[in-house]
Amino acid sequence: MSIRKILTYPNPFLRESAQDVANITGDTVQWIDDMVQTMYAAPGVGLAALQVGLDERIIVVDVGEAEEEEAERGKHLIRIVNPVIVEAEGEVVWEEGCLSVIDFKAEVTRANHILVKGYDPDQKEVAIEAEGLLAVALQHEIDHLDGRLFIDHLSRLKRDMYTKRVRKALREGRPIARDRDEDGED
């Protein structure tokens, strides 16, 4: 297993739409394992394949307690290939962050209850009903697969302010500090 580099905004690859996985192969499973290790190392609660440079519809999510022991890690792990939201209802506002949108959090409105269908790494069809944080995390990661970032759900003013800050830091050669709060998204 390898920890992969996480692409950060404004990398244009993050705006691509991922391709469906036609066959789940050993390479696919290896990528999923790498994504899981990368997500935990970051640390984050979710990661989409596009964030690590893979153009395939794969997400991993673990919204388990941040204080879980290393041995307990993975107890709440969800790995989905070709995820699709088939039902969504209700509304919830949640403060989100993202491993690809460094040093920024904002409240985003999403569906509170969703049903996601896809496949697990063993090629078995899965259906996951989720609400609250899990629903938010799944929607956030599936958005990534469609080239959308959580900042796309914000007002143009908030999005532009963040974009200007990132461009200024890049121009000045300053790194943008990665936010390490454990309640952050992604």
N, C-alpha and C. Protein backbone atom coordinates (compact mmCIF):
# COMPACT_ATOMS: atom_id res chain seq x y z
N MET A 1 0.84 -1.19 0.00
CA MET A 1 0.00 0.00 0.00
C MET A 1 0.87 1.24 0.00
N SER A 2 0.37 2.27 -0.66
CA SER A 2 1.11 3.53 -0.77
C SER A 2 0.23 4.70 -0.40
N ILE A 3 0.86 5.70 0.16
CA ILE A 3 0.15 6.95 0.39
C ILE A 3 0.36 7.80 -0.86
N ARG A 4 -0.73 8.22 -1.46
CA ARG A 4 -0.71 8.99 -2.69
C ARG A 4 -0.72 10.49 -2.40
N LYS A 5 -0.21 11.26 -3.34
CA LYS A 5 -0.25 12.71 -3.24
C LYS A 5 -1.68 13.17 -3.52
N ILE A 6 -2.18 14.05 -2.68
CA ILE A 6 -3.53 14.59 -2.86
C ILE A 6 -3.43 15.87 -3.67
N LEU A 7 -4.15 15.90 -4.78
CA LEU A 7 -4.19 17.09 -5.63
C LEU A 7 -4.96 18.19 -4.91
N THR A 8 -4.51 19.43 -5.07
CA THR A 8 -5.18 20.54 -4.41
C THR A 8 -5.63 21.59 -5.42
N TYR A 9 -6.69 22.30 -5.01
CA TYR A 9 -7.22 23.40 -5.79
C TYR A 9 -6.12 24.42 -5.99
N PRO A 10 -5.91 24.93 -7.18
CA PRO A 10 -6.75 24.94 -8.37
C PRO A 10 -6.37 23.91 -9.45
N ASN A 11 -5.80 22.77 -9.09
CA ASN A 11 -5.41 21.77 -10.08
C ASN A 11 -6.60 21.44 -10.99
N PRO A 12 -6.45 21.60 -12.31
CA PRO A 12 -7.57 21.40 -13.22
C PRO A 12 -8.09 19.96 -13.27
N PHE A 13 -7.28 18.98 -12.86
CA PHE A 13 -7.74 17.59 -12.86
C PHE A 13 -8.92 17.40 -11.92
N LEU A 14 -8.99 18.22 -10.87
CA LEU A 14 -10.10 18.14 -9.92
C LEU A 14 -11.43 18.53 -10.55
N ARG A 15 -11.40 19.18 -11.70
CA ARG A 15 -12.62 19.61 -12.38
C ARG A 15 -13.07 18.63 -13.46
N GLU A 16 -12.34 17.53 -13.62
CA GLU A 16 -12.71 16.51 -14.60
C GLU A 16 -13.85 15.65 -14.05
N SER A 17 -14.54 14.94 -14.94
CA SER A 17 -15.52 13.95 -14.53
C SER A 17 -14.88 12.58 -14.64
N ALA A 18 -14.98 11.81 -13.57
CA ALA A 18 -14.36 10.48 -13.54
C ALA A 18 -15.15 9.52 -14.42
N GLN A 19 -14.45 8.51 -14.91
CA GLN A 19 -15.05 7.48 -15.78
C GLN A 19 -15.53 6.31 -14.93
N ASP A 20 -16.62 5.67 -15.38
CA ASP A 20 -17.09 4.46 -14.70
C ASP A 20 -16.02 3.39 -14.74
N VAL A 21 -15.95 2.59 -13.71
CA VAL A 21 -15.04 1.45 -13.66
C VAL A 21 -15.75 0.29 -14.35
N ALA A 22 -15.20 -0.18 -15.46
CA ALA A 22 -15.82 -1.26 -16.23
C ALA A 22 -15.63 -2.61 -15.53
N ASN A 23 -14.43 -2.86 -15.02
CA ASN A 23 -14.10 -4.11 -14.33
C ASN A 23 -13.28 -3.80 -13.11
N ILE A 24 -13.64 -4.41 -11.99
CA ILE A 24 -12.86 -4.24 -10.77
C ILE A 24 -11.75 -5.28 -10.80
N THR A 25 -10.53 -4.79 -10.97
CA THR A 25 -9.37 -5.67 -11.11
C THR A 25 -8.50 -5.59 -9.86
N GLY A 26 -7.43 -6.33 -9.85
CA GLY A 26 -6.46 -6.24 -8.77
C GLY A 26 -5.87 -4.85 -8.65
N ASP A 27 -5.66 -4.19 -9.80
CA ASP A 27 -5.16 -2.81 -9.78
C ASP A 27 -6.17 -1.87 -9.13
N THR A 28 -7.45 -2.10 -9.42
CA THR A 28 -8.52 -1.28 -8.82
C THR A 28 -8.48 -1.43 -7.30
N VAL A 29 -8.39 -2.65 -6.84
CA VAL A 29 -8.36 -2.92 -5.39
C VAL A 29 -7.12 -2.28 -4.77
N GLN A 30 -5.99 -2.32 -5.45
CA GLN A 30 -4.76 -1.69 -4.95
C GLN A 30 -4.96 -0.18 -4.81
N TRP A 31 -5.57 0.44 -5.82
CA TRP A 31 -5.85 1.88 -5.76
C TRP A 31 -6.76 2.18 -4.57
N ILE A 32 -7.78 1.36 -4.37
CA ILE A 32 -8.70 1.58 -3.24
C ILE A 32 -7.93 1.50 -1.93
N ASP A 33 -7.08 0.50 -1.77
CA ASP A 33 -6.27 0.37 -0.55
C ASP A 33 -5.37 1.59 -0.36
N ASP A 34 -4.77 2.06 -1.45
CA ASP A 34 -3.93 3.26 -1.38
C ASP A 34 -4.74 4.48 -0.97
N MET A 35 -5.95 4.59 -1.52
CA MET A 35 -6.82 5.72 -1.17
C MET A 35 -7.17 5.70 0.32
N VAL A 36 -7.47 4.51 0.84
CA VAL A 36 -7.79 4.39 2.26
C VAL A 36 -6.61 4.85 3.10
N GLN A 37 -5.41 4.38 2.79
CA GLN A 37 -4.22 4.77 3.55
C GLN A 37 -3.97 6.27 3.43
N THR A 38 -4.17 6.82 2.26
CA THR A 38 -3.98 8.25 2.03
C THR A 38 -4.98 9.06 2.85
N MET A 39 -6.24 8.62 2.85
CA MET A 39 -7.29 9.32 3.61
C MET A 39 -6.94 9.33 5.09
N TYR A 40 -6.56 8.18 5.64
CA TYR A 40 -6.23 8.11 7.06
C TYR A 40 -4.99 8.94 7.39
N ALA A 41 -4.00 8.93 6.52
CA ALA A 41 -2.76 9.66 6.77
C ALA A 41 -2.96 11.17 6.71
N ALA A 42 -3.95 11.64 5.95
CA ALA A 42 -4.10 13.08 5.70
C ALA A 42 -4.30 13.95 6.95
N PRO A 43 -5.12 13.72 7.91
CA PRO A 43 -6.22 12.78 8.01
C PRO A 43 -7.50 13.39 7.46
N GLY A 44 -8.39 12.53 6.97
CA GLY A 44 -9.67 12.97 6.46
C GLY A 44 -10.72 11.92 6.70
N VAL A 45 -11.97 12.24 6.34
CA VAL A 45 -13.06 11.28 6.50
C VAL A 45 -13.55 10.74 5.16
N GLY A 46 -12.97 11.21 4.06
CA GLY A 46 -13.36 10.72 2.75
C GLY A 46 -12.34 11.13 1.71
N LEU A 47 -12.35 10.39 0.60
CA LEU A 47 -11.43 10.69 -0.50
C LEU A 47 -12.02 10.10 -1.78
N ALA A 48 -11.93 10.87 -2.84
CA ALA A 48 -12.37 10.42 -4.17
C ALA A 48 -11.14 10.18 -5.04
N ALA A 49 -11.27 9.23 -5.96
CA ALA A 49 -10.13 8.86 -6.81
C ALA A 49 -9.53 10.05 -7.55
N LEU A 50 -10.36 10.97 -8.02
CA LEU A 50 -9.83 12.14 -8.74
C LEU A 50 -8.85 12.93 -7.87
N GLN A 51 -9.05 12.92 -6.57
CA GLN A 51 -8.18 13.68 -5.68
C GLN A 51 -6.77 13.14 -5.63
N VAL A 52 -6.59 11.88 -6.02
CA VAL A 52 -5.25 11.30 -6.05
C VAL A 52 -4.80 10.99 -7.48
N GLY A 53 -5.47 11.63 -8.44
CA GLY A 53 -5.03 11.55 -9.82
C GLY A 53 -5.52 10.35 -10.60
N LEU A 54 -6.53 9.66 -10.10
CA LEU A 54 -7.10 8.51 -10.81
C LEU A 54 -8.44 8.88 -11.38
N ASP A 55 -8.60 8.71 -12.67
CA ASP A 55 -9.80 9.11 -13.40
C ASP A 55 -10.85 7.99 -13.39
N GLU A 56 -11.23 7.53 -12.18
CA GLU A 56 -12.22 6.46 -12.06
C GLU A 56 -13.19 6.79 -10.94
N ARG A 57 -14.40 6.27 -11.04
CA ARG A 57 -15.46 6.55 -10.06
C ARG A 57 -15.31 5.64 -8.85
N ILE A 58 -14.46 6.07 -7.93
CA ILE A 58 -14.21 5.33 -6.70
C ILE A 58 -14.14 6.33 -5.55
N ILE A 59 -14.80 5.98 -4.43
CA ILE A 59 -14.70 6.80 -3.23
C ILE A 59 -14.46 5.91 -2.02
N VAL A 60 -13.82 6.48 -1.01
CA VAL A 60 -13.68 5.84 0.29
C VAL A 60 -14.12 6.84 1.35
N VAL A 61 -14.82 6.35 2.37
CA VAL A 61 -15.34 7.21 3.43
C VAL A 61 -15.26 6.45 4.75
N ASP A 62 -14.87 7.16 5.81
CA ASP A 62 -14.90 6.61 7.15
C ASP A 62 -15.19 7.76 8.11
N VAL A 63 -16.43 7.83 8.56
CA VAL A 63 -16.82 8.90 9.47
C VAL A 63 -16.84 8.42 10.93
N GLY A 64 -16.10 7.35 11.19
CA GLY A 64 -15.97 6.85 12.57
C GLY A 64 -15.34 7.90 13.46
N GLU A 65 -15.37 7.65 14.72
CA GLU A 65 -14.83 8.60 15.68
C GLU A 65 -13.37 8.92 15.38
N ALA A 66 -13.03 10.18 15.45
CA ALA A 66 -11.65 10.62 15.19
C ALA A 66 -10.68 10.06 16.22
N GLU A 67 -11.19 9.74 17.40
CA GLU A 67 -10.32 9.24 18.46
C GLU A 67 -10.12 7.73 18.40
N GLU A 68 -10.64 7.07 17.38
CA GLU A 68 -10.49 5.62 17.31
C GLU A 68 -9.02 5.23 17.36
N GLU A 69 -8.77 4.15 18.02
CA GLU A 69 -7.42 3.62 18.06
C GLU A 69 -7.04 3.10 16.68
N GLU A 70 -5.76 3.05 16.40
CA GLU A 70 -5.26 2.55 15.12
C GLU A 70 -5.85 1.17 14.82
N ALA A 71 -5.95 0.32 15.85
CA ALA A 71 -6.49 -1.03 15.65
C ALA A 71 -7.96 -1.01 15.29
N GLU A 72 -8.68 0.02 15.71
CA GLU A 72 -10.11 0.14 15.41
C GLU A 72 -10.37 0.79 14.05
N ARG A 73 -9.35 1.40 13.49
CA ARG A 73 -9.51 2.11 12.22
C ARG A 73 -10.06 1.15 11.17
N GLY A 74 -11.01 1.64 10.40
CA GLY A 74 -11.58 0.82 9.35
C GLY A 74 -12.89 0.19 9.73
N LYS A 75 -13.26 0.29 10.99
CA LYS A 75 -14.51 -0.30 11.47
C LYS A 75 -15.72 0.30 10.74
N HIS A 76 -15.63 1.56 10.36
CA HIS A 76 -16.73 2.25 9.68
C HIS A 76 -16.38 2.56 8.22
N LEU A 77 -15.37 1.91 7.71
CA LEU A 77 -14.87 2.20 6.36
C LEU A 77 -15.86 1.75 5.28
N ILE A 78 -16.12 2.66 4.34
CA ILE A 78 -16.97 2.37 3.18
C ILE A 78 -16.13 2.59 1.94
N ARG A 79 -16.11 1.60 1.06
CA ARG A 79 -15.40 1.69 -0.21
C ARG A 79 -16.42 1.40 -1.31
N ILE A 80 -16.63 2.36 -2.21
CA ILE A 80 -17.66 2.21 -3.23
C ILE A 80 -17.09 2.51 -4.62
N VAL A 81 -17.34 1.60 -5.54
CA VAL A 81 -16.98 1.77 -6.94
C VAL A 81 -18.26 2.12 -7.69
N ASN A 82 -18.18 3.11 -8.56
CA ASN A 82 -19.31 3.59 -9.36
C ASN A 82 -20.52 3.99 -8.50
N PRO A 83 -20.29 4.83 -7.47
CA PRO A 83 -21.40 5.23 -6.61
C PRO A 83 -22.38 6.16 -7.32
N VAL A 84 -23.66 5.96 -7.01
CA VAL A 84 -24.73 6.79 -7.57
C VAL A 84 -25.73 7.09 -6.46
N ILE A 85 -26.11 8.34 -6.33
CA ILE A 85 -27.15 8.70 -5.37
C ILE A 85 -28.49 8.45 -6.07
N VAL A 86 -29.29 7.52 -5.53
CA VAL A 86 -30.56 7.17 -6.17
C VAL A 86 -31.76 7.79 -5.47
N GLU A 87 -31.57 8.22 -4.23
CA GLU A 87 -32.62 8.92 -3.50
C GLU A 87 -31.97 9.97 -2.62
N ALA A 88 -32.65 11.10 -2.49
CA ALA A 88 -32.17 12.17 -1.61
C ALA A 88 -33.38 12.93 -1.09
N GLU A 89 -33.37 13.19 0.21
CA GLU A 89 -34.48 13.96 0.78
C GLU A 89 -34.01 14.73 2.01
N GLY A 90 -34.80 15.70 2.37
CA GLY A 90 -34.47 16.52 3.52
C GLY A 90 -33.34 17.48 3.22
N GLU A 91 -32.96 18.22 4.24
CA GLU A 91 -31.91 19.21 4.07
C GLU A 91 -31.15 19.35 5.37
N VAL A 92 -29.84 19.49 5.25
CA VAL A 92 -28.99 19.70 6.41
C VAL A 92 -27.88 20.68 6.01
N VAL A 93 -27.50 21.52 6.94
CA VAL A 93 -26.38 22.44 6.73
C VAL A 93 -25.23 21.92 7.58
N TRP A 94 -24.09 21.73 6.93
CA TRP A 94 -22.94 21.15 7.62
C TRP A 94 -21.69 21.93 7.25
N GLU A 95 -20.82 22.17 8.23
CA GLU A 95 -19.55 22.81 7.92
C GLU A 95 -18.64 21.78 7.28
N GLU A 96 -18.21 22.07 6.05
CA GLU A 96 -17.35 21.15 5.31
C GLU A 96 -15.99 21.76 5.08
N GLY A 97 -15.04 20.87 4.95
CA GLY A 97 -13.69 21.19 4.54
C GLY A 97 -13.32 20.13 3.52
N CYS A 98 -12.12 20.18 3.00
CA CYS A 98 -11.74 19.24 1.96
C CYS A 98 -10.22 19.12 1.91
N LEU A 99 -9.75 17.90 1.71
CA LEU A 99 -8.31 17.69 1.59
C LEU A 99 -7.74 18.35 0.35
N SER A 100 -8.58 18.65 -0.63
CA SER A 100 -8.12 19.31 -1.85
C SER A 100 -8.35 20.82 -1.84
N VAL A 101 -9.10 21.30 -0.88
CA VAL A 101 -9.37 22.74 -0.73
C VAL A 101 -8.77 23.12 0.62
N ILE A 102 -7.51 23.45 0.59
CA ILE A 102 -6.71 23.61 1.80
C ILE A 102 -7.06 24.88 2.57
N ASP A 103 -7.09 24.72 3.90
CA ASP A 103 -7.22 25.85 4.81
C ASP A 103 -8.50 26.65 4.59
N PHE A 104 -9.62 25.94 4.40
CA PHE A 104 -10.88 26.63 4.20
C PHE A 104 -12.03 25.71 4.57
N LYS A 105 -12.97 26.24 5.32
CA LYS A 105 -14.19 25.52 5.68
C LYS A 105 -15.37 26.47 5.50
N ALA A 106 -16.52 25.89 5.20
CA ALA A 106 -17.73 26.70 5.05
C ALA A 106 -18.95 25.82 5.19
N GLU A 107 -20.06 26.43 5.55
CA GLU A 107 -21.31 25.70 5.67
C GLU A 107 -21.89 25.44 4.29
N VAL A 108 -22.32 24.20 4.07
CA VAL A 108 -22.90 23.78 2.80
C VAL A 108 -24.23 23.10 3.09
N THR A 109 -25.22 23.36 2.25
CA THR A 109 -26.52 22.71 2.37
C THR A 109 -26.55 21.49 1.47
N ARG A 110 -26.92 20.35 2.04
CA ARG A 110 -27.01 19.10 1.30
C ARG A 110 -28.27 18.35 1.73
N ALA A 111 -28.55 17.24 1.04
CA ALA A 111 -29.65 16.37 1.45
C ALA A 111 -29.26 15.70 2.77
N ASN A 112 -30.22 15.57 3.69
CA ASN A 112 -29.95 14.95 4.99
C ASN A 112 -30.03 13.43 4.95
N HIS A 113 -30.82 12.89 4.05
CA HIS A 113 -30.98 11.44 3.96
C HIS A 113 -30.81 11.02 2.50
N ILE A 114 -29.92 10.08 2.25
CA ILE A 114 -29.68 9.63 0.88
C ILE A 114 -29.58 8.10 0.82
N LEU A 115 -29.75 7.60 -0.39
CA LEU A 115 -29.50 6.20 -0.68
C LEU A 115 -28.49 6.17 -1.82
N VAL A 116 -27.37 5.50 -1.57
CA VAL A 116 -26.29 5.40 -2.56
C VAL A 116 -26.17 3.94 -2.97
N LYS A 117 -26.05 3.70 -4.26
CA LYS A 117 -25.82 2.35 -4.77
C LYS A 117 -24.51 2.33 -5.54
N GLY A 118 -23.88 1.18 -5.53
CA GLY A 118 -22.61 0.99 -6.23
C GLY A 118 -22.13 -0.42 -6.00
N TYR A 119 -20.81 -0.60 -6.03
CA TYR A 119 -20.21 -1.92 -5.86
C TYR A 119 -19.07 -1.84 -4.87
N ASP A 120 -18.88 -2.92 -4.12
CA ASP A 120 -17.73 -2.98 -3.23
C ASP A 120 -16.54 -3.57 -4.00
N PRO A 121 -15.36 -3.59 -3.40
CA PRO A 121 -14.19 -4.11 -4.12
C PRO A 121 -14.31 -5.58 -4.54
N ASP A 122 -15.25 -6.32 -3.91
CA ASP A 122 -15.47 -7.72 -4.28
C ASP A 122 -16.52 -7.87 -5.38
N GLN A 123 -16.90 -6.74 -5.99
CA GLN A 123 -17.85 -6.70 -7.11
C GLN A 123 -19.28 -7.04 -6.69
N LYS A 124 -19.57 -6.88 -5.40
CA LYS A 124 -20.92 -7.11 -4.91
C LYS A 124 -21.65 -5.77 -4.89
N GLU A 125 -22.91 -5.80 -5.34
CA GLU A 125 -23.70 -4.58 -5.33
C GLU A 125 -23.99 -4.19 -3.88
N VAL A 126 -23.86 -2.90 -3.59
CA VAL A 126 -24.14 -2.39 -2.26
C VAL A 126 -25.14 -1.26 -2.34
N ALA A 127 -25.93 -1.13 -1.30
CA ALA A 127 -26.87 -0.02 -1.15
C ALA A 127 -26.66 0.53 0.26
N ILE A 128 -26.37 1.80 0.36
CA ILE A 128 -26.09 2.42 1.65
C ILE A 128 -27.07 3.54 1.90
N GLU A 129 -27.85 3.40 2.97
CA GLU A 129 -28.72 4.48 3.41
C GLU A 129 -27.93 5.29 4.42
N ALA A 130 -27.96 6.58 4.27
CA ALA A 130 -27.16 7.43 5.15
C ALA A 130 -27.89 8.70 5.49
N GLU A 131 -27.57 9.22 6.68
CA GLU A 131 -28.07 10.54 7.05
C GLU A 131 -27.01 11.24 7.87
N GLY A 132 -27.19 12.53 8.06
CA GLY A 132 -26.23 13.31 8.83
C GLY A 132 -24.87 13.34 8.19
N LEU A 133 -23.82 13.21 9.02
CA LEU A 133 -22.44 13.33 8.54
C LEU A 133 -22.13 12.33 7.44
N LEU A 134 -22.58 11.09 7.56
CA LEU A 134 -22.29 10.10 6.52
C LEU A 134 -22.92 10.51 5.20
N ALA A 135 -24.15 11.01 5.22
CA ALA A 135 -24.81 11.47 4.00
C ALA A 135 -24.03 12.64 3.39
N VAL A 136 -23.60 13.56 4.23
CA VAL A 136 -22.83 14.72 3.75
C VAL A 136 -21.52 14.25 3.12
N ALA A 137 -20.81 13.36 3.79
CA ALA A 137 -19.52 12.88 3.29
C ALA A 137 -19.68 12.15 1.96
N LEU A 138 -20.69 11.30 1.85
CA LEU A 138 -20.92 10.58 0.59
C LEU A 138 -21.23 11.55 -0.55
N GLN A 139 -22.09 12.55 -0.29
CA GLN A 139 -22.42 13.53 -1.33
C GLN A 139 -21.18 14.33 -1.73
N HIS A 140 -20.38 14.71 -0.74
CA HIS A 140 -19.16 15.47 -0.97
C HIS A 140 -18.22 14.70 -1.90
N GLU A 141 -18.01 13.42 -1.60
CA GLU A 141 -17.09 12.61 -2.41
C GLU A 141 -17.64 12.32 -3.80
N ILE A 142 -18.93 12.07 -3.90
CA ILE A 142 -19.55 11.83 -5.22
C ILE A 142 -19.48 13.09 -6.06
N ASP A 143 -19.63 14.26 -5.42
CA ASP A 143 -19.43 15.52 -6.14
C ASP A 143 -18.05 15.57 -6.79
N HIS A 144 -17.02 15.14 -6.05
CA HIS A 144 -15.66 15.13 -6.60
C HIS A 144 -15.62 14.34 -7.91
N LEU A 145 -16.32 13.22 -7.96
CA LEU A 145 -16.29 12.37 -9.16
C LEU A 145 -16.91 13.07 -10.37
N ASP A 146 -17.70 14.10 -10.11
CA ASP A 146 -18.32 14.88 -11.19
C ASP A 146 -17.61 16.20 -11.41
N GLY A 147 -16.42 16.35 -10.82
CA GLY A 147 -15.63 17.56 -11.02
C GLY A 147 -16.11 18.75 -10.21
N ARG A 148 -16.90 18.49 -9.15
CA ARG A 148 -17.41 19.58 -8.31
C ARG A 148 -16.72 19.55 -6.95
N LEU A 149 -16.40 20.73 -6.45
CA LEU A 149 -15.82 20.89 -5.12
C LEU A 149 -16.86 21.51 -4.21
N PHE A 150 -16.69 21.36 -2.92
CA PHE A 150 -17.69 21.91 -2.00
C PHE A 150 -17.80 23.42 -2.14
N ILE A 151 -16.73 24.07 -2.57
CA ILE A 151 -16.80 25.53 -2.73
C ILE A 151 -17.74 25.93 -3.87
N ASP A 152 -18.08 24.99 -4.76
CA ASP A 152 -19.04 25.28 -5.82
C ASP A 152 -20.45 25.45 -5.28
N HIS A 153 -20.68 25.03 -4.04
CA HIS A 153 -21.99 25.18 -3.40
C HIS A 153 -22.11 26.50 -2.65
N LEU A 154 -21.04 27.29 -2.64
CA LEU A 154 -21.01 28.55 -1.91
C LEU A 154 -21.38 29.71 -2.82
N SER A 155 -21.58 30.87 -2.22
CA SER A 155 -21.83 32.07 -3.00
C SER A 155 -20.59 32.39 -3.82
N ARG A 156 -20.80 33.09 -4.91
CA ARG A 156 -19.69 33.49 -5.77
C ARG A 156 -18.67 34.33 -4.99
N LEU A 157 -19.14 35.19 -4.11
CA LEU A 157 -18.25 36.04 -3.31
C LEU A 157 -17.31 35.20 -2.45
N LYS A 158 -17.84 34.22 -1.71
CA LYS A 158 -17.00 33.38 -0.86
C LYS A 158 -16.02 32.57 -1.70
N ARG A 159 -16.49 32.03 -2.81
CA ARG A 159 -15.63 31.24 -3.70
C ARG A 159 -14.50 32.10 -4.24
N ASP A 160 -14.83 33.31 -4.70
CA ASP A 160 -13.82 34.22 -5.26
C ASP A 160 -12.80 34.65 -4.21
N MET A 161 -13.26 34.86 -2.98
CA MET A 161 -12.32 35.25 -1.92
C MET A 161 -11.30 34.13 -1.68
N TYR A 162 -11.78 32.89 -1.65
CA TYR A 162 -10.85 31.77 -1.45
C TYR A 162 -9.90 31.65 -2.64
N THR A 163 -10.42 31.74 -3.85
CA THR A 163 -9.60 31.62 -5.06
C THR A 163 -8.51 32.69 -5.07
N LYS A 164 -8.84 33.91 -4.72
CA LYS A 164 -7.84 34.99 -4.69
C LYS A 164 -6.75 34.70 -3.66
N ARG A 165 -7.15 34.18 -2.50
CA ARG A 165 -6.17 33.85 -1.46
C ARG A 165 -5.21 32.77 -1.94
N VAL A 166 -5.73 31.74 -2.61
CA VAL A 166 -4.90 30.65 -3.11
C VAL A 166 -3.95 31.16 -4.19
N ARG A 167 -4.47 31.93 -5.13
CA ARG A 167 -3.62 32.45 -6.21
C ARG A 167 -2.52 33.36 -5.68
N LYS A 168 -2.83 34.16 -4.68
CA LYS A 168 -1.82 35.04 -4.09
C LYS A 168 -0.73 34.20 -3.43
N ALA A 169 -1.13 33.18 -2.68
CA ALA A 169 -0.13 32.32 -2.03
C ALA A 169 0.74 31.63 -3.07
N LEU A 170 0.16 31.16 -4.15
CA LEU A 170 0.92 30.50 -5.20
C LEU A 170 1.89 31.46 -5.88
N ARG A 171 1.42 32.69 -6.14
CA ARG A 171 2.29 33.71 -6.75
C ARG A 171 3.48 34.03 -5.87
N GLU A 172 3.23 34.08 -4.57
CA GLU A 172 4.29 34.43 -3.62
C GLU A 172 5.13 33.22 -3.24
N GLY A 173 4.78 32.06 -3.76
CA GLY A 173 5.54 30.86 -3.45
C GLY A 173 5.33 30.34 -2.04
N ARG A 174 4.24 30.77 -1.41
CA ARG A 174 3.93 30.32 -0.05
C ARG A 174 3.05 29.09 -0.10
N PRO A 175 3.34 28.10 0.72
CA PRO A 175 2.43 26.95 0.78
C PRO A 175 1.16 27.34 1.53
N ILE A 176 0.08 26.71 1.17
CA ILE A 176 -1.18 26.91 1.88
C ILE A 176 -1.24 25.81 2.93
N ALA A 177 -1.33 26.19 4.19
CA ALA A 177 -1.31 25.20 5.27
C ALA A 177 -2.54 24.31 5.19
N ARG A 178 -2.32 23.01 5.34
CA ARG A 178 -3.44 22.06 5.37
C ARG A 178 -4.10 22.14 6.73
N ASP A 179 -5.42 22.31 6.73
CA ASP A 179 -6.19 22.38 7.96
C ASP A 179 -6.26 21.00 8.58
N ARG A 180 -5.91 20.86 9.83
CA ARG A 180 -5.84 19.55 10.48
C ARG A 180 -6.96 19.30 11.49
N ASP A 181 -8.03 20.11 11.47
CA ASP A 181 -9.13 19.87 12.43
C ASP A 181 -9.75 18.51 12.16
N GLU A 182 -10.01 17.76 13.23
CA GLU A 182 -10.55 16.42 13.04
C GLU A 182 -12.01 16.40 12.64
N ASP A 183 -12.72 17.52 12.78
CA ASP A 183 -14.11 17.49 12.38
C ASP A 183 -14.30 17.97 10.94
N GLY A 184 -13.21 18.20 10.21
CA GLY A 184 -13.27 18.65 8.83
C GLY A 184 -13.73 17.55 7.90
N GLU A 185 -14.17 17.94 6.78
CA GLU A 185 -14.65 17.01 5.76
C GLU A 185 -13.50 16.56 4.89
N ASP A 186 -13.71 15.43 4.26
CA ASP A 186 -12.75 14.88 3.29
C ASP A 186 -11.59 14.39 4.01
